[in-house]
C-alpha atoms as a PDB file:
ATOM      1  CA  MET A   1       0.000   0.000   0.000  1.00  0.00           C
ATOM      2  CA  LYS A   2       1.235   3.470  -0.847  1.00  0.00           C
ATOM      3  CA  ILE A   3      -0.141   6.441   1.104  1.00  0.00           C
ATOM      4  CA  GLN A   4      -1.450   9.205  -1.133  1.00  0.00           C
ATOM      5  CA  LYS A   5      -2.727  11.662   1.494  1.00  0.00           C
ATOM      6  CA  ILE A   6      -3.284  11.855   5.247  1.00  0.00           C
ATOM      7  CA  PHE A   7      -6.238  13.867   6.582  1.00  0.00           C
ATOM      8  CA  GLY A   8      -6.396  15.097  10.164  1.00  0.00           C
ATOM      9  CA  GLU A   9      -9.105  17.063  11.924  1.00  0.00           C
ATOM     10  CA  ASN A  10      -7.587  20.379  10.833  1.00  0.00           C
ATOM     11  CA  GLY A  11      -6.408  19.513   7.343  1.00  0.00           C
ATOM     12  CA  ALA A  12      -3.818  17.479   5.506  1.00  0.00           C
ATOM     13  CA  LEU A  13      -0.908  16.116   7.535  1.00  0.00           C
ATOM     14  CA  PRO A  14       2.662  15.677   6.243  1.00  0.00           C
ATOM     15  CA  GLN A  15       3.063  12.299   7.987  1.00  0.00           C
ATOM     16  CA  LEU A  16       1.372   9.803  10.279  1.00  0.00           C
ATOM     17  CA  CYS A  17       1.214  10.744  13.963  1.00  0.00           C
ATOM     18  CA  ALA A  18       3.829   9.046  16.076  1.00  0.00           C
ATOM     19  CA  ARG A  19       2.325  10.077  19.413  1.00  0.00           C
ATOM     20  CA  GLY A  20      -0.488  12.112  20.844  1.00  0.00           C
ATOM     21  CA  SER A  21      -4.142  12.237  19.933  1.00  0.00           C
ATOM     22  CA  CYS A  22      -4.600  12.354  16.183  1.00  0.00           C
ATOM     23  CA  PRO A  23      -7.497  10.471  14.600  1.00  0.00           C
ATOM     24  CA  THR A  24      -6.931  10.464  10.862  1.00  0.00           C
ATOM     25  CA  ALA A  25      -8.086   9.093   7.539  1.00  0.00           C
ATOM     26  CA  ILE A  26      -5.358   7.759   5.282  1.00  0.00           C
ATOM     27  CA  LEU A  27      -6.109   7.745   1.555  1.00  0.00           C
ATOM     28  CA  ALA A  28      -4.253   4.978  -0.250  1.00  0.00           C
ATOM     29  CA  GLU A  29      -3.090   5.177  -3.843  1.00  0.00           C
ATOM     30  CA  ASN A  30      -5.721   2.579  -4.873  1.00  0.00           C
ATOM     31  CA  GLY A  31      -8.545   4.737  -3.423  1.00  0.00           C
ATOM     32  CA  ASP A  32      -9.078   2.777  -0.204  1.00  0.00           C
ATOM     33  CA  VAL A  33      -9.443   4.799   3.003  1.00  0.00           C
ATOM     34  CA  PHE A  34      -7.896   3.646   6.271  1.00  0.00           C
ATOM     35  CA  VAL A  35      -9.177   5.161   9.520  1.00  0.00           C
ATOM     36  CA  GLN A  36      -7.052   5.708  12.610  1.00  0.00           C
ATOM     37  CA  GLY A  37      -8.919   6.249  15.856  1.00  0.00           C
ATOM     38  CA  TYR A  38      -9.112   5.220  19.474  1.00  0.00           C
ATOM     39  CA  VAL A  39      -9.410   1.580  20.527  1.00  0.00           C
ATOM     40  CA  PRO A  40     -12.845   1.147  22.125  1.00  0.00           C
ATOM     41  CA  ALA A  41     -12.940   0.672  25.886  1.00  0.00           C
ATOM     42  CA  PRO A  42     -13.789  -2.876  27.025  1.00  0.00           C
ATOM     43  CA  ALA A  43     -17.356  -1.853  27.915  1.00  0.00           C
ATOM     44  CA  GLU A  44     -17.840  -0.359  24.439  1.00  0.00           C
ATOM     45  CA  GLY A  45     -16.221  -3.358  22.777  1.00  0.00           C
ATOM     46  CA  ALA A  46     -18.734  -5.703  24.379  1.00  0.00           C
ATOM     47  CA  GLU A  47     -21.442  -4.129  22.200  1.00  0.00           C
ATOM     48  CA  LEU A  48     -19.346  -4.170  19.015  1.00  0.00           C
ATOM     49  CA  ILE A  49     -18.975  -7.504  17.271  1.00  0.00           C
ATOM     50  CA  ALA A  50     -17.069  -7.363  13.997  1.00  0.00           C
ATOM     51  CA  PRO A  51     -16.761 -10.198  11.490  1.00  0.00           C
ATOM     52  CA  ALA A  52     -13.433 -12.011  11.208  1.00  0.00           C
ATOM     53  CA  GLY A  53     -10.811  -9.754   9.644  1.00  0.00           C
ATOM     54  CA  GLU A  54     -12.559  -6.518  10.683  1.00  0.00           C
ATOM     55  CA  SER A  55     -12.241  -4.235  13.705  1.00  0.00           C
ATOM     56  CA  PHE A  56     -13.604  -1.005  15.168  1.00  0.00           C
ATOM     57  CA  VAL A  57     -12.026   2.308  16.135  1.00  0.00           C
ATOM     58  CA  ARG A  58     -13.662   5.281  17.791  1.00  0.00           C
ATOM     59  CA  MET A  59     -13.392   9.025  17.172  1.00  0.00           C
ATOM     60  CA  PRO A  60     -15.484  12.037  18.154  1.00  0.00           C
ATOM     61  CA  ARG A  61     -18.302  12.703  15.681  1.00  0.00           C
ATOM     62  CA  ALA A  62     -17.155  16.285  14.989  1.00  0.00           C
ATOM     63  CA  THR A  63     -13.682  14.988  14.112  1.00  0.00           C
ATOM     64  CA  PHE A  64     -15.159  12.312  11.845  1.00  0.00           C
ATOM     65  CA  GLU A  65     -17.298  14.892  10.023  1.00  0.00           C
ATOM     66  CA  LYS A  66     -14.322  17.212   9.435  1.00  0.00           C
ATOM     67  CA  ILE A  67     -12.158  14.374   8.125  1.00  0.00           C
ATOM     68  CA  ALA A  68     -14.959  12.896   5.987  1.00  0.00           C
ATOM     69  CA  ARG A  69     -15.526  16.245   4.256  1.00  0.00           C
ATOM     70  CA  GLN A  70     -11.827  16.408   3.363  1.00  0.00           C
ATOM     71  CA  VAL A  71     -11.769  12.856   2.011  1.00  0.00           C
ATOM     72  CA  LEU A  72     -14.867  13.468  -0.110  1.00  0.00           C
ATOM     73  CA  ALA A  73     -13.423  16.718  -1.474  1.00  0.00           C
ATOM     74  CA  SER A  74     -10.139  15.101  -2.521  1.00  0.00           C
END
């Protein structure tokens, strides 16, 4: 996979976050979008059951909306 663009809450990022709080959407060269977020707490995870090979991440709705608008505009 080759990264084409990284979108953070406040715009494009030059690189992936190494530390800190930075939910992002990563746009791959083939058009797929990868989402980086917070690992759900155990109590939240009990309600979330993903099929084999899938998982969940969490991010604030306002952050998701900002990032989604950027991805759709790209």
